[in-house]
PDB file of N, CA and C in Angstrom:
ATOM      1  N   MET A   1      99.046  22.793 288.827  1.00  0.00           N
ATOM      2  CA  MET A   1      97.946  23.027 287.921  1.00  0.00           C
ATOM      3  C   MET A   1      97.362  24.435 288.092  1.00  0.00           C
ATOM      4  N   ILE A   2      97.089  24.806 289.313  1.00  0.00           N
ATOM      5  CA  ILE A   2      96.506  26.127 289.568  1.00  0.00           C
ATOM      6  C   ILE A   2      97.534  27.232 289.339  1.00  0.00           C
ATOM      7  N   ASP A   3      98.823  26.881 289.395  1.00  0.00           N
ATOM      8  CA  ASP A   3      99.879  27.888 289.242  1.00  0.00           C
ATOM      9  C   ASP A   3      99.765  28.691 287.950  1.00  0.00           C
ATOM     10  N   GLN A   4      99.298  28.056 286.874  1.00  0.00           N
ATOM     11  CA  GLN A   4      99.201  28.781 285.612  1.00  0.00           C
ATOM     12  C   GLN A   4      98.110  29.852 285.643  1.00  0.00           C
ATOM     13  N   TYR A   5      97.164  29.732 286.577  1.00  0.00           N
ATOM     14  CA  TYR A   5      96.074  30.699 286.656  1.00  0.00           C
ATOM     15  C   TYR A   5      96.345  31.819 287.647  1.00  0.00           C
ATOM     16  N   ILE A   6      97.392  31.669 288.456  1.00  0.00           N
ATOM     17  CA  ILE A   6      97.674  32.690 289.469  1.00  0.00           C
ATOM     18  C   ILE A   6      99.093  33.231 289.344  1.00  0.00           C
ATOM     19  N   LYS A   7      99.632  33.197 288.115  1.00  0.00           N
ATOM     20  CA  LYS A   7     100.968  33.757 287.881  1.00  0.00           C
ATOM     21  C   LYS A   7     100.957  35.243 288.195  1.00  0.00           C
ATOM     22  N   GLY A   8     101.952  35.674 288.915  1.00  0.00           N
ATOM     23  CA  GLY A   8     102.060  37.083 289.252  1.00  0.00           C
ATOM     24  C   GLY A   8     101.313  37.472 290.511  1.00  0.00           C
ATOM     25  N   PHE A   9     100.553  36.542 291.109  1.00  0.00           N
ATOM     26  CA  PHE A   9      99.850  36.835 292.348  1.00  0.00           C
ATOM     27  C   PHE A   9     100.861  36.943 293.483  1.00  0.00           C
ATOM     28  N   GLU A  10     100.639  37.870 294.384  1.00  0.00           N
ATOM     29  CA  GLU A  10     101.469  37.979 295.575  1.00  0.00           C
ATOM     30  C   GLU A  10     101.097  36.855 296.546  1.00  0.00           C
ATOM     31  N   THR A  11     101.985  36.571 297.483  1.00  0.00           N
ATOM     32  CA  THR A  11     101.729  35.516 298.474  1.00  0.00           C
ATOM     33  C   THR A  11     100.448  35.801 299.246  1.00  0.00           C
ATOM     34  N   ARG A  12     100.236  37.062 299.585  1.00  0.00           N
ATOM     35  CA  ARG A  12      99.028  37.451 300.323  1.00  0.00           C
ATOM     36  C   ARG A  12      97.773  37.081 299.538  1.00  0.00           C
ATOM     37  N   ASP A  13      97.789  37.333 298.221  1.00  0.00           N
ATOM     38  CA  ASP A  13      96.634  37.007 297.378  1.00  0.00           C
ATOM     39  C   ASP A  13      96.399  35.503 297.325  1.00  0.00           C
ATOM     40  N   LYS A  14      97.485  34.745 297.251  1.00  0.00           N
ATOM     41  CA  LYS A  14      97.357  33.287 297.226  1.00  0.00           C
ATOM     42  C   LYS A  14      96.786  32.759 298.535  1.00  0.00           C
ATOM     43  N   LEU A  15      97.228  33.332 299.653  1.00  0.00           N
ATOM     44  CA  LEU A  15      96.712  32.895 300.954  1.00  0.00           C
ATOM     45  C   LEU A  15      95.227  33.229 301.099  1.00  0.00           C
ATOM     46  N   LEU A  16      94.818  34.383 300.586  1.00  0.00           N
ATOM     47  CA  LEU A  16      93.405  34.756 300.658  1.00  0.00           C
ATOM     48  C   LEU A  16      92.525  33.791 299.864  1.00  0.00           C
ATOM     49  N   MET A  17      93.084  33.153 298.850  1.00  0.00           N
ATOM     50  CA  MET A  17      92.313  32.198 298.051  1.00  0.00           C
ATOM     51  C   MET A  17      91.942  30.951 298.848  1.00  0.00           C
ATOM     52  N   LEU A  18      92.576  30.751 299.996  1.00  0.00           N
ATOM     53  CA  LEU A  18      92.214  29.625 300.859  1.00  0.00           C
ATOM     54  C   LEU A  18      90.838  29.813 301.494  1.00  0.00           C
ATOM     55  N   ILE A  19      90.413  31.059 301.668  1.00  0.00           N
ATOM     56  CA  ILE A  19      89.133  31.331 302.324  1.00  0.00           C
ATOM     57  C   ILE A  19      87.971  30.695 301.560  1.00  0.00           C
ATOM     58  N   PRO A  20      87.824  30.950 300.246  1.00  0.00           N
ATOM     59  CA  PRO A  20      86.721  30.283 299.558  1.00  0.00           C
ATOM     60  C   PRO A  20      86.887  28.768 299.476  1.00  0.00           C
ATOM     61  N   ILE A  21      88.122  28.277 299.445  1.00  0.00           N
ATOM     62  CA  ILE A  21      88.332  26.826 299.433  1.00  0.00           C
ATOM     63  C   ILE A  21      87.765  26.213 300.715  1.00  0.00           C
ATOM     64  N   PHE A  22      88.102  26.825 301.859  1.00  0.00           N
ATOM     65  CA  PHE A  22      87.557  26.322 303.124  1.00  0.00           C
ATOM     66  C   PHE A  22      86.033  26.481 303.162  1.00  0.00           C
ATOM     67  N   GLY A  23      85.523  27.537 302.546  1.00  0.00           N
ATOM     68  CA  GLY A  23      84.071  27.713 302.473  1.00  0.00           C
ATOM     69  C   GLY A  23      83.399  26.584 301.711  1.00  0.00           C
ATOM     70  N   TRP A  24      83.965  26.229 300.552  1.00  0.00           N
ATOM     71  CA  TRP A  24      83.401  25.114 299.776  1.00  0.00           C
ATOM     72  C   TRP A  24      83.516  23.795 300.546  1.00  0.00           C
ATOM     73  N   LEU A  25      84.629  23.597 301.253  1.00  0.00           N
ATOM     74  CA  LEU A  25      84.786  22.374 302.051  1.00  0.00           C
ATOM     75  C   LEU A  25      83.760  22.320 303.181  1.00  0.00           C
ATOM     76  N   PHE A  26      83.477  23.474 303.797  1.00  0.00           N
ATOM     77  CA  PHE A  26      82.469  23.545 304.859  1.00  0.00           C
ATOM     78  C   PHE A  26      81.085  23.203 304.301  1.00  0.00           C
ATOM     79  N   ILE A  27      80.778  23.694 303.111  1.00  0.00           N
ATOM     80  CA  ILE A  27      79.495  23.356 302.477  1.00  0.00           C
ATOM     81  C   ILE A  27      79.414  21.857 302.222  1.00  0.00           C
ATOM     82  N   ALA A  28      80.478  21.276 301.686  1.00  0.00           N
ATOM     83  CA  ALA A  28      80.495  19.836 301.415  1.00  0.00           C
ATOM     84  C   ALA A  28      80.335  19.038 302.709  1.00  0.00           C
ATOM     85  N   TYR A  29      81.026  19.467 303.754  1.00  0.00           N
ATOM     86  CA  TYR A  29      80.905  18.789 305.043  1.00  0.00           C
ATOM     87  C   TYR A  29      79.454  18.793 305.519  1.00  0.00           C
ATOM     88  N   GLY A  30      78.795  19.955 305.417  1.00  0.00           N
ATOM     89  CA  GLY A  30      77.411  20.067 305.863  1.00  0.00           C
ATOM     90  C   GLY A  30      76.452  19.229 305.029  1.00  0.00           C
ATOM     91  N   LEU A  31      76.791  18.994 303.779  1.00  0.00           N
ATOM     92  CA  LEU A  31      75.954  18.132 302.940  1.00  0.00           C
ATOM     93  C   LEU A  31      76.135  16.652 303.289  1.00  0.00           C
ATOM     94  N   ILE A  32      77.351  16.278 303.651  1.00  0.00           N
ATOM     95  CA  ILE A  32      77.641  14.875 303.968  1.00  0.00           C
ATOM     96  C   ILE A  32      77.227  14.531 305.398  1.00  0.00           C
ATOM     97  N   PHE A  33      77.556  15.425 306.329  1.00  0.00           N
ATOM     98  CA  PHE A  33      77.243  15.213 307.739  1.00  0.00           C
ATOM     99  C   PHE A  33      76.310  16.327 308.205  1.00  0.00           C
ATOM    100  N   PRO A  34      75.016  16.031 308.349  1.00  0.00           N
ATOM    101  CA  PRO A  34      74.071  17.080 308.765  1.00  0.00           C
ATOM    102  C   PRO A  34      74.513  17.770 310.058  1.00  0.00           C
ATOM    103  N   ILE A  35      74.421  19.088 310.047  1.00  0.00           N
ATOM    104  CA  ILE A  35      74.865  19.899 311.182  1.00  0.00           C
ATOM    105  C   ILE A  35      73.692  20.095 312.136  1.00  0.00           C
ATOM    106  N   GLU A  36      73.910  19.738 313.398  1.00  0.00           N
ATOM    107  CA  GLU A  36      72.851  19.812 314.405  1.00  0.00           C
ATOM    108  C   GLU A  36      72.839  21.158 315.141  1.00  0.00           C
ATOM    109  N   ASN A  37      73.998  21.708 315.410  1.00  0.00           N
ATOM    110  CA  ASN A  37      74.100  22.952 316.170  1.00  0.00           C
ATOM    111  C   ASN A  37      73.519  24.097 315.343  1.00  0.00           C
ATOM    112  N   ILE A  38      72.555  24.810 315.918  1.00  0.00           N
ATOM    113  CA  ILE A  38      71.834  25.857 315.190  1.00  0.00           C
ATOM    114  C   ILE A  38      72.761  26.996 314.759  1.00  0.00           C
ATOM    115  N   TYR A  39      73.749  27.344 315.582  1.00  0.00           N
ATOM    116  CA  TYR A  39      74.657  28.445 315.239  1.00  0.00           C
ATOM    117  C   TYR A  39      75.579  28.067 314.075  1.00  0.00           C
ATOM    118  N   ILE A  40      76.069  26.839 314.131  1.00  0.00           N
ATOM    119  CA  ILE A  40      76.926  26.377 313.034  1.00  0.00           C
ATOM    120  C   ILE A  40      76.091  26.194 311.775  1.00  0.00           C
ATOM    121  N   LYS A  41      74.846  25.755 311.952  1.00  0.00           N
ATOM    122  CA  LYS A  41      73.950  25.590 310.798  1.00  0.00           C
ATOM    123  C   LYS A  41      73.715  26.944 310.126  1.00  0.00           C
ATOM    124  N   TRP A  42      73.515  28.002 310.920  1.00  0.00           N
ATOM    125  CA  TRP A  42      73.341  29.336 310.340  1.00  0.00           C
ATOM    126  C   TRP A  42      74.609  29.799 309.642  1.00  0.00           C
ATOM    127  N   MET A  43      75.774  29.503 310.192  1.00  0.00           N
ATOM    128  CA  MET A  43      77.039  29.835 309.516  1.00  0.00           C
ATOM    129  C   MET A  43      77.129  29.094 308.183  1.00  0.00           C
ATOM    130  N   TRP A  44      76.627  27.862 308.175  1.00  0.00           N
ATOM    131  CA  TRP A  44      76.631  27.059 306.958  1.00  0.00           C
ATOM    132  C   TRP A  44      75.732  27.703 305.893  1.00  0.00           C
ATOM    133  N   TYR A  45      74.540  28.156 306.300  1.00  0.00           N
ATOM    134  CA  TYR A  45      73.641  28.832 305.358  1.00  0.00           C
ATOM    135  C   TYR A  45      74.256  30.122 304.820  1.00  0.00           C
ATOM    136  N   ILE A  46      74.897  30.871 305.685  1.00  0.00           N
ATOM    137  CA  ILE A  46      75.564  32.102 305.256  1.00  0.00           C
ATOM    138  C   ILE A  46      76.674  31.779 304.258  1.00  0.00           C
ATOM    139  N   ASP A  47      77.423  30.720 304.525  1.00  0.00           N
ATOM    140  CA  ASP A  47      78.483  30.297 303.618  1.00  0.00           C
ATOM    141  C   ASP A  47      77.908  29.906 302.261  1.00  0.00           C
ATOM    142  N   ILE A  48      76.795  29.197 302.253  1.00  0.00           N
ATOM    143  CA  ILE A  48      76.147  28.844 300.978  1.00  0.00           C
ATOM    144  C   ILE A  48      75.774  30.111 300.219  1.00  0.00           C
ATOM    145  N   PHE A  49      75.201  31.087 300.923  1.00  0.00           N
ATOM    146  CA  PHE A  49      74.817  32.336 300.278  1.00  0.00           C
ATOM    147  C   PHE A  49      76.026  33.061 299.696  1.00  0.00           C
ATOM    148  N   LEU A  50      77.108  33.126 300.464  1.00  0.00           N
ATOM    149  CA  LEU A  50      78.302  33.830 299.986  1.00  0.00           C
ATOM    150  C   LEU A  50      78.986  33.067 298.852  1.00  0.00           C
ATOM    151  N   SER A  51      78.923  31.756 298.876  1.00  0.00           N
ATOM    152  CA  SER A  51      79.631  30.956 297.884  1.00  0.00           C
ATOM    153  C   SER A  51      78.867  30.786 296.583  1.00  0.00           C
ATOM    154  N   VAL A  52      77.547  30.729 296.642  1.00  0.00           N
ATOM    155  CA  VAL A  52      76.802  30.455 295.409  1.00  0.00           C
ATOM    156  C   VAL A  52      76.296  31.745 294.754  1.00  0.00           C
ATOM    157  N   PRO A  53      75.264  32.413 295.279  1.00  0.00           N
ATOM    158  CA  PRO A  53      74.773  33.582 294.542  1.00  0.00           C
ATOM    159  C   PRO A  53      75.775  34.734 294.457  1.00  0.00           C
ATOM    160  N   VAL A  54      76.557  34.949 295.508  1.00  0.00           N
ATOM    161  CA  VAL A  54      77.502  36.067 295.473  1.00  0.00           C
ATOM    162  C   VAL A  54      78.608  35.811 294.446  1.00  0.00           C
ATOM    163  N   HIS A  55      79.135  34.589 294.395  1.00  0.00           N
ATOM    164  CA  HIS A  55      80.148  34.281 293.379  1.00  0.00           C
ATOM    165  C   HIS A  55      79.554  34.358 291.973  1.00  0.00           C
ATOM    166  N   LEU A  56      78.306  33.931 291.824  1.00  0.00           N
ATOM    167  CA  LEU A  56      77.671  34.020 290.502  1.00  0.00           C
ATOM    168  C   LEU A  56      77.481  35.475 290.077  1.00  0.00           C
ATOM    169  N   LEU A  57      77.115  36.333 291.009  1.00  0.00           N
ATOM    170  CA  LEU A  57      76.961  37.756 290.679  1.00  0.00           C
ATOM    171  C   LEU A  57      78.296  38.398 290.286  1.00  0.00           C
ATOM    172  N   GLN A  58      79.374  37.902 290.846  1.00  0.00           N
ATOM    173  CA  GLN A  58      80.689  38.453 290.525  1.00  0.00           C
ATOM    174  C   GLN A  58      81.101  38.156 289.088  1.00  0.00           C
ATOM    175  N   LEU A  59      80.434  37.205 288.448  1.00  0.00           N
ATOM    176  CA  LEU A  59      80.763  36.883 287.058  1.00  0.00           C
ATOM    177  C   LEU A  59      80.584  38.091 286.144  1.00  0.00           C
ATOM    178  N   ILE A  60      79.676  38.991 286.504  1.00  0.00           N
ATOM    179  CA  ILE A  60      79.416  40.187 285.697  1.00  0.00           C
ATOM    180  C   ILE A  60      80.702  41.011 285.535  1.00  0.00           C
ATOM    181  N   ILE A  61      81.477  41.098 286.594  1.00  0.00           N
ATOM    182  CA  ILE A  61      82.732  41.849 286.555  1.00  0.00           C
ATOM    183  C   ILE A  61      83.896  40.950 286.144  1.00  0.00           C
ATOM    184  N   ALA A  62      83.920  39.739 286.668  1.00  0.00           N
ATOM    185  CA  ALA A  62      85.094  38.873 286.539  1.00  0.00           C
ATOM    186  C   ALA A  62      85.338  38.364 285.128  1.00  0.00           C
ATOM    187  N   VAL A  63      84.293  38.019 284.399  1.00  0.00           N
ATOM    188  CA  VAL A  63      84.499  37.452 283.060  1.00  0.00           C
ATOM    189  C   VAL A  63      85.161  38.462 282.122  1.00  0.00           C
ATOM    190  N   PRO A  64      84.677  39.703 282.031  1.00  0.00           N
ATOM    191  CA  PRO A  64      85.392  40.668 281.181  1.00  0.00           C
ATOM    192  C   PRO A  64      86.837  40.925 281.623  1.00  0.00           C
ATOM    193  N   VAL A  65      87.066  40.957 282.939  1.00  0.00           N
ATOM    194  CA  VAL A  65      88.428  41.152 283.443  1.00  0.00           C
ATOM    195  C   VAL A  65      89.305  39.978 283.035  1.00  0.00           C
ATOM    196  N   GLY A  66      88.784  38.773 283.187  1.00  0.00           N
ATOM    197  CA  GLY A  66      89.548  37.587 282.809  1.00  0.00           C
ATOM    198  C   GLY A  66      89.867  37.545 281.329  1.00  0.00           C
ATOM    199  N   ILE A  67      88.882  37.874 280.498  1.00  0.00           N
ATOM    200  CA  ILE A  67      89.085  37.852 279.044  1.00  0.00           C
ATOM    201  C   ILE A  67      90.136  38.895 278.645  1.00  0.00           C
ATOM    202  N   LYS A  68      90.053  40.102 279.220  1.00  0.00           N
ATOM    203  CA  LYS A  68      91.040  41.142 278.910  1.00  0.00           C
ATOM    204  C   LYS A  68      92.442  40.745 279.359  1.00  0.00           C
ATOM    205  N   SER A  69      92.519  39.867 280.362  1.00  0.00           N
ATOM    206  CA  SER A  69      93.819  39.443 280.880  1.00  0.00           C
ATOM    207  C   SER A  69      94.350  38.187 280.199  1.00  0.00           C
ATOM    208  N   GLY A  70      93.611  37.665 279.232  1.00  0.00           N
ATOM    209  CA  GLY A  70      94.102  36.508 278.486  1.00  0.00           C
ATOM    210  C   GLY A  70      93.536  35.171 278.909  1.00  0.00           C
ATOM    211  N   TYR A  71      92.601  35.163 279.843  1.00  0.00           N
ATOM    212  CA  TYR A  71      91.945  33.918 280.240  1.00  0.00           C
ATOM    213  C   TYR A  71      90.755  33.681 279.316  1.00  0.00           C
ATOM    214  N   SER A  72      90.398  32.418 279.118  1.00  0.00           N
ATOM    215  CA  SER A  72      89.211  32.121 278.320  1.00  0.00           C
ATOM    216  C   SER A  72      87.968  32.404 279.160  1.00  0.00           C
ATOM    217  N   LYS A  73      86.830  32.447 278.507  1.00  0.00           N
ATOM    218  CA  LYS A  73      85.572  32.696 279.216  1.00  0.00           C
ATOM    219  C   LYS A  73      85.303  31.570 280.214  1.00  0.00           C
ATOM    220  N   SER A  74      85.524  30.317 279.804  1.00  0.00           N
ATOM    221  CA  SER A  74      85.253  29.191 280.707  1.00  0.00           C
ATOM    222  C   SER A  74      86.229  29.181 281.890  1.00  0.00           C
ATOM    223  N   GLN A  75      87.496  29.544 281.663  1.00  0.00           N
ATOM    224  CA  GLN A  75      88.448  29.633 282.763  1.00  0.00           C
ATOM    225  C   GLN A  75      88.017  30.717 283.749  1.00  0.00           C
ATOM    226  N   SER A  76      87.598  31.864 283.213  1.00  0.00           N
ATOM    227  CA  SER A  76      87.161  32.967 284.072  1.00  0.00           C
ATOM    228  C   SER A  76      85.955  32.567 284.908  1.00  0.00           C
ATOM    229  N   VAL A  77      85.014  31.852 284.296  1.00  0.00           N
ATOM    230  CA  VAL A  77      83.809  31.412 285.016  1.00  0.00           C
ATOM    231  C   VAL A  77      84.190  30.430 286.124  1.00  0.00           C
ATOM    232  N   CYS A  78      84.974  29.416 285.788  1.00  0.00           N
ATOM    233  CA  CYS A  78      85.353  28.395 286.779  1.00  0.00           C
ATOM    234  C   CYS A  78      86.150  28.994 287.935  1.00  0.00           C
ATOM    235  N   LEU A  79      87.103  29.843 287.615  1.00  0.00           N
ATOM    236  CA  LEU A  79      87.935  30.438 288.665  1.00  0.00           C
ATOM    237  C   LEU A  79      87.131  31.390 289.549  1.00  0.00           C
ATOM    238  N   THR A  80      86.172  32.099 288.963  1.00  0.00           N
ATOM    239  CA  THR A  80      85.353  33.018 289.764  1.00  0.00           C
ATOM    240  C   THR A  80      84.389  32.252 290.647  1.00  0.00           C
ATOM    241  N   ILE A  81      83.768  31.201 290.131  1.00  0.00           N
ATOM    242  CA  ILE A  81      82.853  30.416 290.965  1.00  0.00           C
ATOM    243  C   ILE A  81      83.623  29.754 292.103  1.00  0.00           C
ATOM    244  N   THR A  82      84.829  29.313 291.834  1.00  0.00           N
ATOM    245  CA  THR A  82      85.628  28.646 292.865  1.00  0.00           C
ATOM    246  C   THR A  82      86.209  29.632 293.869  1.00  0.00           C
ATOM    247  N   PHE A  83      86.822  30.716 293.381  1.00  0.00           N
ATOM    248  CA  PHE A  83      87.576  31.619 294.252  1.00  0.00           C
ATOM    249  C   PHE A  83      86.947  32.991 294.459  1.00  0.00           C
ATOM    250  N   GLY A  84      85.970  33.358 293.658  1.00  0.00           N
ATOM    251  CA  GLY A  84      85.335  34.661 293.801  1.00  0.00           C
ATOM    252  C   GLY A  84      86.302  35.805 293.594  1.00  0.00           C
ATOM    253  N   ALA A  85      86.121  36.844 294.388  1.00  0.00           N
ATOM    254  CA  ALA A  85      86.924  38.058 294.250  1.00  0.00           C
ATOM    255  C   ALA A  85      88.390  37.832 294.590  1.00  0.00           C
ATOM    256  N   THR A  86      88.699  36.754 295.312  1.00  0.00           N
ATOM    257  CA  THR A  86      90.104  36.502 295.621  1.00  0.00           C
ATOM    258  C   THR A  86      90.880  36.110 294.366  1.00  0.00           C
ATOM    259  N   TRP A  87      90.178  35.769 293.290  1.00  0.00           N
ATOM    260  CA  TRP A  87      90.851  35.522 292.011  1.00  0.00           C
ATOM    261  C   TRP A  87      90.810  36.758 291.114  1.00  0.00           C
ATOM    262  N   TRP A  88      89.620  37.314 290.878  1.00  0.00           N
ATOM    263  CA  TRP A  88      89.527  38.354 289.847  1.00  0.00           C
ATOM    264  C   TRP A  88      90.063  39.715 290.287  1.00  0.00           C
ATOM    265  N   LYS A  89      90.066  40.020 291.572  1.00  0.00           N
ATOM    266  CA  LYS A  89      90.607  41.317 291.992  1.00  0.00           C
ATOM    267  C   LYS A  89      92.116  41.426 291.747  1.00  0.00           C
ATOM    268  N   PRO A  90      92.922  40.421 292.107  1.00  0.00           N
ATOM    269  CA  PRO A  90      94.351  40.517 291.748  1.00  0.00           C
ATOM    270  C   PRO A  90      94.576  40.540 290.241  1.00  0.00           C
ATOM    271  N   VAL A  91      93.743  39.813 289.490  1.00  0.00           N
ATOM    272  CA  VAL A  91      93.866  39.827 288.024  1.00  0.00           C
ATOM    273  C   VAL A  91      93.569  41.229 287.505  1.00  0.00           C
ATOM    274  N   ARG A  92      92.529  41.847 288.021  1.00  0.00           N
ATOM    275  CA  ARG A  92      92.188  43.220 287.603  1.00  0.00           C
ATOM    276  C   ARG A  92      93.293  44.194 287.986  1.00  0.00           C
ATOM    277  N   GLN A  93      93.868  44.014 289.168  1.00  0.00           N
ATOM    278  CA  GLN A  93      94.957  44.894 289.603  1.00  0.00           C
ATOM    279  C   GLN A  93      96.154  44.747 288.666  1.00  0.00           C
ATOM    280  N   MET A  94      96.509  43.521 288.305  1.00  0.00           N
ATOM    281  CA  MET A  94      97.633  43.313 287.387  1.00  0.00           C
ATOM    282  C   MET A  94      97.327  43.881 286.008  1.00  0.00           C
ATOM    283  N   LEU A  95      96.073  43.776 285.575  1.00  0.00           N
ATOM    284  CA  LEU A  95      95.663  44.334 284.288  1.00  0.00           C
ATOM    285  C   LEU A  95      95.814  45.847 284.300  1.00  0.00           C
ATOM    286  N   ASN A  96      95.383  46.488 285.371  1.00  0.00           N
ATOM    287  CA  ASN A  96      95.519  47.939 285.493  1.00  0.00           C
ATOM    288  C   ASN A  96      96.982  48.366 285.555  1.00  0.00           C
ATOM    289  N   GLU A  97      97.802  47.596 286.269  1.00  0.00           N
ATOM    290  CA  GLU A  97      99.227  47.921 286.353  1.00  0.00           C
ATOM    291  C   GLU A  97      99.896  47.753 284.991  1.00  0.00           C
ATOM    292  N   LYS A  98      99.471  46.749 284.254  1.00  0.00           N
ATOM    293  CA  LYS A  98     100.027  46.523 282.918  1.00  0.00           C
ATOM    294  C   LYS A  98      99.666  47.678 281.995  1.00  0.00           C
ATOM    295  N   LYS A  99      98.424  48.161 282.102  1.00  0.00           N
ATOM    296  CA  LYS A  99      98.000  49.299 281.283  1.00  0.00           C
ATOM    297  C   LYS A  99      98.803  50.549 281.612  1.00  0.00           C
ATOM    298  N   LEU A 100      99.120  50.695 282.901  1.00  0.00           N
ATOM    299  CA  LEU A 100      99.872  51.880 283.330  1.00  0.00           C
ATOM    300  C   LEU A 100     101.377  51.694 283.210  1.00  0.00           C
ATOM    301  N   GLY A 101     101.802  50.469 282.883  1.00  0.00           N
ATOM    302  CA  GLY A 101     103.219  50.187 282.751  1.00  0.00           C
ATOM    303  C   GLY A 101     103.946  50.079 284.073  1.00  0.00           C
ATOM    304  N   ASN A 102     103.226  49.682 285.125  1.00  0.00           N
ATOM    305  CA  ASN A 102     103.807  49.616 286.458  1.00  0.00           C
ATOM    306  C   ASN A 102     104.238  48.219 286.866  1.00  0.00           C
ATOM    307  N   LEU A 103     104.283  47.260 285.964  1.00  0.00           N
ATOM    308  CA  LEU A 103     104.668  45.915 286.342  1.00  0.00           C
ATOM    309  C   LEU A 103     106.143  45.868 286.693  1.00  0.00           C
ATOM    310  N   LYS A 104     106.463  45.080 287.719  1.00  0.00           N
ATOM    311  CA  LYS A 104     107.845  44.883 288.108  1.00  0.00           C
ATOM    312  C   LYS A 104     108.507  43.949 287.107  1.00  0.00           C
ATOM    313  N   PRO A 105     109.808  44.007 286.970  1.00  0.00           N
ATOM    314  CA  PRO A 105     110.492  43.111 286.043  1.00  0.00           C
ATOM    315  C   PRO A 105     110.212  41.643 286.361  1.00  0.00           C
ATOM    316  N   GLY A 106     109.865  40.870 285.346  1.00  0.00           N
ATOM    317  CA  GLY A 106     109.611  39.449 285.512  1.00  0.00           C
ATOM    318  C   GLY A 106     108.160  39.098 285.744  1.00  0.00           C
ATOM    319  N   GLU A 107     107.285  40.077 286.027  1.00  0.00           N
ATOM    320  CA  GLU A 107     105.876  39.787 286.228  1.00  0.00           C
ATOM    321  C   GLU A 107     105.174  39.646 284.897  1.00  0.00           C
ATOM    322  N   GLN A 108     104.137  38.809 284.903  1.00  0.00           N
ATOM    323  CA  GLN A 108     103.371  38.569 283.684  1.00  0.00           C
ATOM    324  C   GLN A 108     101.959  39.095 283.866  1.00  0.00           C
ATOM    325  N   LYS A 109     101.293  39.152 282.748  1.00  0.00           N
ATOM    326  CA  LYS A 109      99.881  39.547 282.664  1.00  0.00           C
ATOM    327  C   LYS A 109      99.726  40.869 283.216  1.00  0.00           C
TER     328      LYS A 109
END
């Protein structure tokens, strides 16, 4: 399912997308099981900050990049909130390479 949204991504880019996934899982864990350790609790708060307001702020850049690359506005919003810059930066890089004609044979977008 996600493969259609990350066509042309390098393996490194795909692996980096695991970071926000683990961040969202950590947030969910902290909501289900209250965290007692103060240091882990602070890491949890930092993760919430990085996952919610920072990903929302990235929409300013990510939505236009996604639309120019052929994604719908709603796809761009969902993918940016979920993956943040680990999604839109490779998309922007592929868009720039496409404009410059630097795509390797067989790559899309």
